[in-house]
Amino acid sequence: MTCPFLLSRFRGSRDPPKRHLILRRRSKRKINSAKYTRKRLGRLKVEMEEISQEQQSIKEGQSQVRAKFKSVEEEYKQLRNETNLIIQQTANTQIRLGLMFGILKAREQGDLGKAAQLTRLLREIVGRNNYCRSEP
């Protein structure tokens, strides 16, 4: 079977087409196309290797970002706990100061019963706070 494209070159000539010329041109094309395919495959392999290296570096970057995010999150939780503790201590201090001020006022006014009652309450609160601090 002959290729119509190759035969079209010989249409205007008086010599009939020579089969070996046609076959030689076909085999050259096959060789050239095989070379082209091999080159193309080689380039694709190189590109795939580069892409896999990029993907690996992206994965490493993502794991580093995850680790940093986790450490920031832990630090946030720790700071939040410390802040809550400070708020609680401030509230307790305010209560104790209020009781002390009430004791002083009651003593100034000569109301020793009220002063004794506020003193007992203050001792109870201080005792509770000390007990809570000593627990693990």
N, C-alpha and C. Protein backbone atom coordinates (compact mmCIF):
# COMPACT_ATOMS: atom_id res chain seq x y z
N MET A 1 0.86 -1.18 0.00
CA MET A 1 0.00 0.00 0.00
C MET A 1 0.89 1.23 0.00
N THR A 2 0.63 2.12 -0.89
CA THR A 2 1.46 3.31 -1.01
C THR A 2 0.72 4.50 -0.45
N CYS A 3 1.49 5.43 -0.01
CA CYS A 3 0.92 6.62 0.60
C CYS A 3 0.57 7.62 -0.51
N PRO A 4 -0.67 8.12 -0.55
CA PRO A 4 -1.05 9.05 -1.61
C PRO A 4 -0.23 10.34 -1.56
N PHE A 5 0.16 10.74 -0.36
CA PHE A 5 0.97 11.96 -0.25
C PHE A 5 2.31 11.79 -0.95
N LEU A 6 2.95 10.67 -0.74
CA LEU A 6 4.25 10.42 -1.36
C LEU A 6 4.12 10.23 -2.87
N LEU A 7 3.03 9.63 -3.31
CA LEU A 7 2.82 9.43 -4.74
C LEU A 7 2.54 10.74 -5.45
N SER A 8 2.03 11.71 -4.73
CA SER A 8 1.71 12.99 -5.38
C SER A 8 2.96 13.69 -5.88
N ARG A 9 4.11 13.38 -5.31
CA ARG A 9 5.36 13.97 -5.78
C ARG A 9 5.75 13.45 -7.16
N PHE A 10 5.33 12.26 -7.46
CA PHE A 10 5.72 11.63 -8.72
C PHE A 10 4.66 11.78 -9.81
N ARG A 11 3.58 12.45 -9.57
CA ARG A 11 2.49 12.56 -10.54
C ARG A 11 2.93 13.26 -11.82
N GLY A 12 3.67 14.31 -11.63
CA GLY A 12 4.05 15.07 -12.82
C GLY A 12 5.24 14.49 -13.56
N SER A 13 5.91 13.54 -13.00
CA SER A 13 7.10 12.99 -13.65
C SER A 13 6.74 11.80 -14.54
N ARG A 14 7.65 11.48 -15.45
CA ARG A 14 7.41 10.38 -16.37
C ARG A 14 7.83 9.04 -15.75
N ASP A 15 8.69 9.12 -14.73
CA ASP A 15 9.15 7.89 -14.11
C ASP A 15 8.12 7.42 -13.08
N PRO A 16 7.89 6.14 -13.03
CA PRO A 16 6.98 5.64 -12.00
C PRO A 16 7.65 5.75 -10.63
N PRO A 17 6.87 5.87 -9.59
CA PRO A 17 7.45 5.99 -8.25
C PRO A 17 8.23 4.73 -7.88
N LYS A 18 9.32 4.94 -7.24
CA LYS A 18 10.14 3.82 -6.84
C LYS A 18 9.80 3.46 -5.39
N ARG A 19 9.45 2.22 -5.23
CA ARG A 19 8.98 1.75 -3.95
C ARG A 19 10.04 1.90 -2.86
N HIS A 20 11.28 1.66 -3.13
CA HIS A 20 12.31 1.74 -2.10
C HIS A 20 12.49 3.16 -1.61
N LEU A 21 12.29 4.17 -2.47
CA LEU A 21 12.38 5.57 -2.02
C LEU A 21 11.25 5.89 -1.05
N ILE A 22 10.07 5.41 -1.38
CA ILE A 22 8.92 5.66 -0.53
C ILE A 22 9.12 4.99 0.83
N LEU A 23 9.59 3.75 0.82
CA LEU A 23 9.79 3.02 2.06
C LEU A 23 10.89 3.66 2.90
N ARG A 24 11.96 4.14 2.23
CA ARG A 24 13.06 4.78 2.95
C ARG A 24 12.56 6.05 3.64
N ARG A 25 11.74 6.83 2.95
CA ARG A 25 11.20 8.06 3.55
C ARG A 25 10.31 7.72 4.75
N ARG A 26 9.53 6.67 4.63
CA ARG A 26 8.68 6.25 5.74
C ARG A 26 9.52 5.86 6.95
N SER A 27 10.55 5.06 6.72
CA SER A 27 11.36 4.60 7.82
C SER A 27 12.10 5.78 8.47
N LYS A 28 12.53 6.77 7.68
CA LYS A 28 13.17 7.97 8.25
C LYS A 28 12.18 8.71 9.13
N ARG A 29 10.96 8.80 8.65
CA ARG A 29 9.95 9.48 9.46
C ARG A 29 9.72 8.75 10.78
N LYS A 30 9.67 7.42 10.70
CA LYS A 30 9.47 6.64 11.92
C LYS A 30 10.64 6.84 12.87
N ILE A 31 11.85 6.85 12.34
CA ILE A 31 13.04 7.05 13.17
C ILE A 31 12.99 8.44 13.79
N ASN A 32 12.69 9.44 12.96
CA ASN A 32 12.61 10.81 13.48
C ASN A 32 11.51 10.94 14.53
N SER A 33 10.38 10.30 14.28
CA SER A 33 9.29 10.39 15.24
C SER A 33 9.65 9.64 16.52
N ALA A 34 10.38 8.54 16.43
CA ALA A 34 10.82 7.81 17.61
C ALA A 34 11.83 8.65 18.40
N LYS A 35 12.76 9.31 17.71
CA LYS A 35 13.72 10.19 18.38
C LYS A 35 12.99 11.32 19.10
N TYR A 36 12.04 11.91 18.39
CA TYR A 36 11.27 13.00 18.97
C TYR A 36 10.53 12.53 20.22
N THR A 37 9.94 11.34 20.12
CA THR A 37 9.19 10.79 21.25
C THR A 37 10.11 10.53 22.44
N ARG A 38 11.31 9.96 22.16
CA ARG A 38 12.27 9.70 23.24
C ARG A 38 12.71 11.00 23.90
N LYS A 39 12.99 12.01 23.07
CA LYS A 39 13.40 13.31 23.62
C LYS A 39 12.28 13.89 24.47
N ARG A 40 11.09 13.81 23.95
CA ARG A 40 9.92 14.34 24.66
C ARG A 40 9.73 13.61 25.99
N LEU A 41 9.87 12.28 25.97
CA LEU A 41 9.74 11.51 27.20
C LEU A 41 10.83 11.89 28.20
N GLY A 42 12.04 12.10 27.70
CA GLY A 42 13.13 12.52 28.59
C GLY A 42 12.82 13.86 29.25
N ARG A 43 12.32 14.80 28.45
CA ARG A 43 11.95 16.11 29.02
C ARG A 43 10.82 15.98 30.03
N LEU A 44 9.84 15.12 29.72
CA LEU A 44 8.73 14.92 30.65
C LEU A 44 9.21 14.31 31.96
N LYS A 45 10.16 13.35 31.88
CA LYS A 45 10.69 12.74 33.10
C LYS A 45 11.40 13.79 33.95
N VAL A 46 12.17 14.66 33.30
CA VAL A 46 12.87 15.73 34.04
C VAL A 46 11.85 16.65 34.69
N GLU A 47 10.82 17.02 33.93
CA GLU A 47 9.78 17.91 34.49
C GLU A 47 9.06 17.24 35.65
N MET A 48 8.77 15.94 35.52
CA MET A 48 8.09 15.22 36.61
C MET A 48 8.97 15.17 37.86
N GLU A 49 10.27 14.99 37.66
CA GLU A 49 11.19 14.97 38.79
C GLU A 49 11.21 16.33 39.49
N GLU A 50 11.25 17.41 38.70
CA GLU A 50 11.22 18.76 39.27
C GLU A 50 9.93 19.00 40.03
N ILE A 51 8.82 18.56 39.46
CA ILE A 51 7.52 18.74 40.11
C ILE A 51 7.47 17.96 41.42
N SER A 52 8.01 16.73 41.42
CA SER A 52 7.98 15.95 42.66
C SER A 52 8.87 16.60 43.72
N GLN A 53 9.99 17.20 43.32
CA GLN A 53 10.82 17.91 44.28
C GLN A 53 10.09 19.13 44.84
N GLU A 54 9.39 19.85 43.97
CA GLU A 54 8.60 21.01 44.43
C GLU A 54 7.52 20.57 45.40
N GLN A 55 6.84 19.46 45.07
CA GLN A 55 5.80 18.96 45.95
C GLN A 55 6.37 18.56 47.31
N GLN A 56 7.55 17.95 47.30
CA GLN A 56 8.19 17.56 48.55
C GLN A 56 8.52 18.79 49.39
N SER A 57 9.04 19.84 48.73
CA SER A 57 9.37 21.05 49.49
C SER A 57 8.10 21.72 50.01
N ILE A 58 7.02 21.64 49.24
CA ILE A 58 5.73 22.20 49.71
C ILE A 58 5.25 21.43 50.94
N LYS A 59 5.37 20.09 50.90
CA LYS A 59 4.95 19.28 52.05
C LYS A 59 5.77 19.63 53.29
N GLU A 60 7.08 19.81 53.10
CA GLU A 60 7.94 20.18 54.23
C GLU A 60 7.53 21.55 54.78
N GLY A 61 7.25 22.48 53.88
CA GLY A 61 6.80 23.81 54.32
C GLY A 61 5.49 23.74 55.08
N GLN A 62 4.58 22.92 54.60
CA GLN A 62 3.29 22.77 55.28
C GLN A 62 3.47 22.17 56.66
N SER A 63 4.35 21.19 56.79
CA SER A 63 4.57 20.60 58.11
C SER A 63 5.21 21.61 59.06
N GLN A 64 6.11 22.45 58.54
CA GLN A 64 6.71 23.49 59.38
C GLN A 64 5.65 24.49 59.83
N VAL A 65 4.76 24.87 58.91
CA VAL A 65 3.70 25.82 59.25
C VAL A 65 2.77 25.20 60.30
N ARG A 66 2.44 23.89 60.13
CA ARG A 66 1.60 23.22 61.12
C ARG A 66 2.25 23.22 62.49
N ALA A 67 3.55 22.94 62.53
CA ALA A 67 4.26 22.92 63.81
C ALA A 67 4.27 24.30 64.46
N LYS A 68 4.51 25.34 63.66
CA LYS A 68 4.51 26.71 64.19
C LYS A 68 3.12 27.07 64.70
N PHE A 69 2.09 26.70 63.93
CA PHE A 69 0.72 27.01 64.32
C PHE A 69 0.38 26.31 65.63
N LYS A 70 0.81 25.05 65.76
CA LYS A 70 0.53 24.31 66.99
C LYS A 70 1.21 24.95 68.19
N SER A 71 2.47 25.39 68.00
CA SER A 71 3.17 26.03 69.12
C SER A 71 2.52 27.36 69.49
N VAL A 72 2.07 28.12 68.49
CA VAL A 72 1.39 29.39 68.76
C VAL A 72 0.08 29.12 69.50
N GLU A 73 -0.62 28.07 69.08
CA GLU A 73 -1.89 27.73 69.73
C GLU A 73 -1.67 27.33 71.19
N GLU A 74 -0.62 26.56 71.46
CA GLU A 74 -0.31 26.17 72.84
C GLU A 74 0.07 27.39 73.67
N GLU A 75 0.83 28.29 73.07
CA GLU A 75 1.22 29.51 73.79
C GLU A 75 -0.01 30.36 74.09
N TYR A 76 -0.94 30.42 73.13
CA TYR A 76 -2.19 31.16 73.35
C TYR A 76 -2.97 30.57 74.52
N LYS A 77 -3.08 29.24 74.56
CA LYS A 77 -3.80 28.59 75.67
C LYS A 77 -3.14 28.89 77.01
N GLN A 78 -1.81 28.83 77.03
CA GLN A 78 -1.08 29.11 78.27
C GLN A 78 -1.31 30.56 78.71
N LEU A 79 -1.21 31.49 77.77
CA LEU A 79 -1.43 32.91 78.12
C LEU A 79 -2.86 33.15 78.58
N ARG A 80 -3.81 32.44 77.95
CA ARG A 80 -5.21 32.58 78.34
C ARG A 80 -5.41 32.08 79.77
N ASN A 81 -4.80 30.95 80.09
CA ASN A 81 -4.91 30.42 81.46
C ASN A 81 -4.28 31.37 82.47
N GLU A 82 -3.11 31.91 82.13
CA GLU A 82 -2.44 32.86 83.03
C GLU A 82 -3.29 34.11 83.21
N THR A 83 -3.91 34.58 82.14
CA THR A 83 -4.77 35.76 82.22
C THR A 83 -5.97 35.49 83.12
N ASN A 84 -6.58 34.31 82.96
CA ASN A 84 -7.73 33.96 83.82
C ASN A 84 -7.30 33.89 85.27
N LEU A 85 -6.13 33.34 85.53
CA LEU A 85 -5.62 33.25 86.90
C LEU A 85 -5.41 34.64 87.49
N ILE A 86 -4.83 35.54 86.70
CA ILE A 86 -4.60 36.91 87.16
C ILE A 86 -5.93 37.61 87.44
N ILE A 87 -6.92 37.40 86.59
CA ILE A 87 -8.24 38.00 86.80
C ILE A 87 -8.85 37.49 88.10
N GLN A 88 -8.72 36.18 88.32
CA GLN A 88 -9.27 35.59 89.55
C GLN A 88 -8.55 36.13 90.79
N GLN A 89 -7.23 36.23 90.71
CA GLN A 89 -6.48 36.77 91.85
C GLN A 89 -6.83 38.23 92.11
N THR A 90 -7.03 38.99 91.05
CA THR A 90 -7.41 40.39 91.20
C THR A 90 -8.77 40.51 91.89
N ALA A 91 -9.71 39.66 91.48
CA ALA A 91 -11.05 39.68 92.10
C ALA A 91 -10.95 39.33 93.58
N ASN A 92 -10.15 38.31 93.90
CA ASN A 92 -9.98 37.94 95.31
C ASN A 92 -9.34 39.07 96.11
N THR A 93 -8.36 39.72 95.53
CA THR A 93 -7.70 40.85 96.21
C THR A 93 -8.70 41.98 96.45
N GLN A 94 -9.55 42.25 95.47
CA GLN A 94 -10.55 43.30 95.62
C GLN A 94 -11.53 42.97 96.76
N ILE A 95 -11.91 41.71 96.82
CA ILE A 95 -12.83 41.29 97.89
C ILE A 95 -12.16 41.47 99.25
N ARG A 96 -10.91 41.03 99.39
CA ARG A 96 -10.20 41.16 100.67
C ARG A 96 -10.01 42.63 101.05
N LEU A 97 -9.66 43.46 100.06
CA LEU A 97 -9.50 44.89 100.36
C LEU A 97 -10.82 45.50 100.81
N GLY A 98 -11.91 45.10 100.16
CA GLY A 98 -13.23 45.59 100.56
C GLY A 98 -13.58 45.19 101.99
N LEU A 99 -13.27 43.94 102.34
CA LEU A 99 -13.53 43.49 103.71
C LEU A 99 -12.66 44.24 104.72
N MET A 100 -11.38 44.45 104.38
CA MET A 100 -10.49 45.20 105.28
C MET A 100 -10.98 46.62 105.48
N PHE A 101 -11.42 47.23 104.40
CA PHE A 101 -11.95 48.59 104.52
C PHE A 101 -13.20 48.60 105.38
N GLY A 102 -14.05 47.59 105.22
CA GLY A 102 -15.27 47.49 106.05
C GLY A 102 -14.92 47.29 107.52
N ILE A 103 -13.88 46.50 107.81
CA ILE A 103 -13.45 46.28 109.20
C ILE A 103 -12.98 47.60 109.80
N LEU A 104 -12.16 48.34 109.05
CA LEU A 104 -11.66 49.64 109.55
C LEU A 104 -12.81 50.61 109.81
N LYS A 105 -13.77 50.66 108.91
CA LYS A 105 -14.90 51.57 109.09
C LYS A 105 -15.73 51.19 110.30
N ALA A 106 -15.95 49.88 110.47
CA ALA A 106 -16.74 49.41 111.62
C ALA A 106 -16.03 49.73 112.92
N ARG A 107 -14.72 49.61 112.97
CA ARG A 107 -13.95 49.93 114.18
C ARG A 107 -14.00 51.43 114.46
N GLU A 108 -13.91 52.22 113.38
CA GLU A 108 -13.98 53.68 113.58
C GLU A 108 -15.33 54.09 114.17
N GLN A 109 -16.37 53.42 113.73
CA GLN A 109 -17.72 53.75 114.19
C GLN A 109 -18.03 53.07 115.54
N GLY A 110 -17.12 52.20 115.98
CA GLY A 110 -17.32 51.56 117.27
C GLY A 110 -18.20 50.33 117.20
N ASP A 111 -18.51 49.84 116.03
CA ASP A 111 -19.35 48.64 115.85
C ASP A 111 -18.44 47.42 115.86
N LEU A 112 -18.10 46.94 117.08
CA LEU A 112 -17.15 45.85 117.21
C LEU A 112 -17.73 44.51 116.76
N GLY A 113 -19.04 44.33 116.86
CA GLY A 113 -19.69 43.09 116.41
C GLY A 113 -19.55 42.92 114.89
N LYS A 114 -19.82 44.03 114.18
CA LYS A 114 -19.70 43.99 112.73
C LYS A 114 -18.24 43.79 112.33
N ALA A 115 -17.32 44.43 113.04
CA ALA A 115 -15.90 44.29 112.74
C ALA A 115 -15.45 42.84 112.95
N ALA A 116 -15.96 42.20 114.04
CA ALA A 116 -15.60 40.81 114.30
C ALA A 116 -16.15 39.89 113.22
N GLN A 117 -17.39 40.17 112.81
CA GLN A 117 -18.01 39.35 111.77
C GLN A 117 -17.23 39.48 110.46
N LEU A 118 -16.85 40.69 110.05
CA LEU A 118 -16.08 40.91 108.82
C LEU A 118 -14.69 40.28 108.93
N THR A 119 -14.09 40.31 110.14
CA THR A 119 -12.78 39.71 110.34
C THR A 119 -12.84 38.19 110.16
N ARG A 120 -13.92 37.58 110.73
CA ARG A 120 -14.10 36.13 110.55
C ARG A 120 -14.25 35.79 109.07
N LEU A 121 -15.04 36.57 108.36
CA LEU A 121 -15.26 36.35 106.92
C LEU A 121 -13.94 36.48 106.15
N LEU A 122 -13.16 37.49 106.51
CA LEU A 122 -11.86 37.69 105.85
C LEU A 122 -10.94 36.49 106.10
N ARG A 123 -10.91 36.02 107.35
CA ARG A 123 -10.08 34.85 107.66
C ARG A 123 -10.52 33.62 106.87
N GLU A 124 -11.83 33.45 106.74
CA GLU A 124 -12.37 32.32 105.99
C GLU A 124 -11.96 32.39 104.51
N ILE A 125 -12.06 33.56 103.94
CA ILE A 125 -11.70 33.74 102.52
C ILE A 125 -10.20 33.52 102.31
N VAL A 126 -9.38 34.06 103.20
CA VAL A 126 -7.92 33.88 103.09
C VAL A 126 -7.58 32.40 103.27
N GLY A 127 -8.25 31.73 104.19
CA GLY A 127 -8.01 30.30 104.41
C GLY A 127 -8.39 29.48 103.19
N ARG A 128 -9.52 29.79 102.56
CA ARG A 128 -9.94 29.09 101.34
C ARG A 128 -8.94 29.29 100.21
N ASN A 129 -8.47 30.52 100.04
CA ASN A 129 -7.50 30.81 98.97
C ASN A 129 -6.19 30.06 99.21
N ASN A 130 -5.75 30.00 100.45
CA ASN A 130 -4.52 29.27 100.74
C ASN A 130 -4.70 27.78 100.51
N TYR A 131 -5.89 27.25 100.86
CA TYR A 131 -6.16 25.84 100.65
C TYR A 131 -6.19 25.51 99.15
N CYS A 132 -6.82 26.38 98.34
CA CYS A 132 -6.89 26.16 96.90
C CYS A 132 -5.52 26.22 96.25
N ARG A 133 -4.64 27.06 96.73
CA ARG A 133 -3.30 27.17 96.16
C ARG A 133 -2.46 25.96 96.47
N SER A 134 -2.68 25.36 97.66
CA SER A 134 -1.85 24.21 98.06
C SER A 134 -2.26 22.93 97.34
N GLU A 135 -3.48 22.86 96.76
CA GLU A 135 -3.90 21.68 96.00
C GLU A 135 -3.19 21.64 94.66
N PRO A 136 -2.86 20.41 94.18
CA PRO A 136 -2.17 20.30 92.88
C PRO A 136 -3.07 20.59 91.73
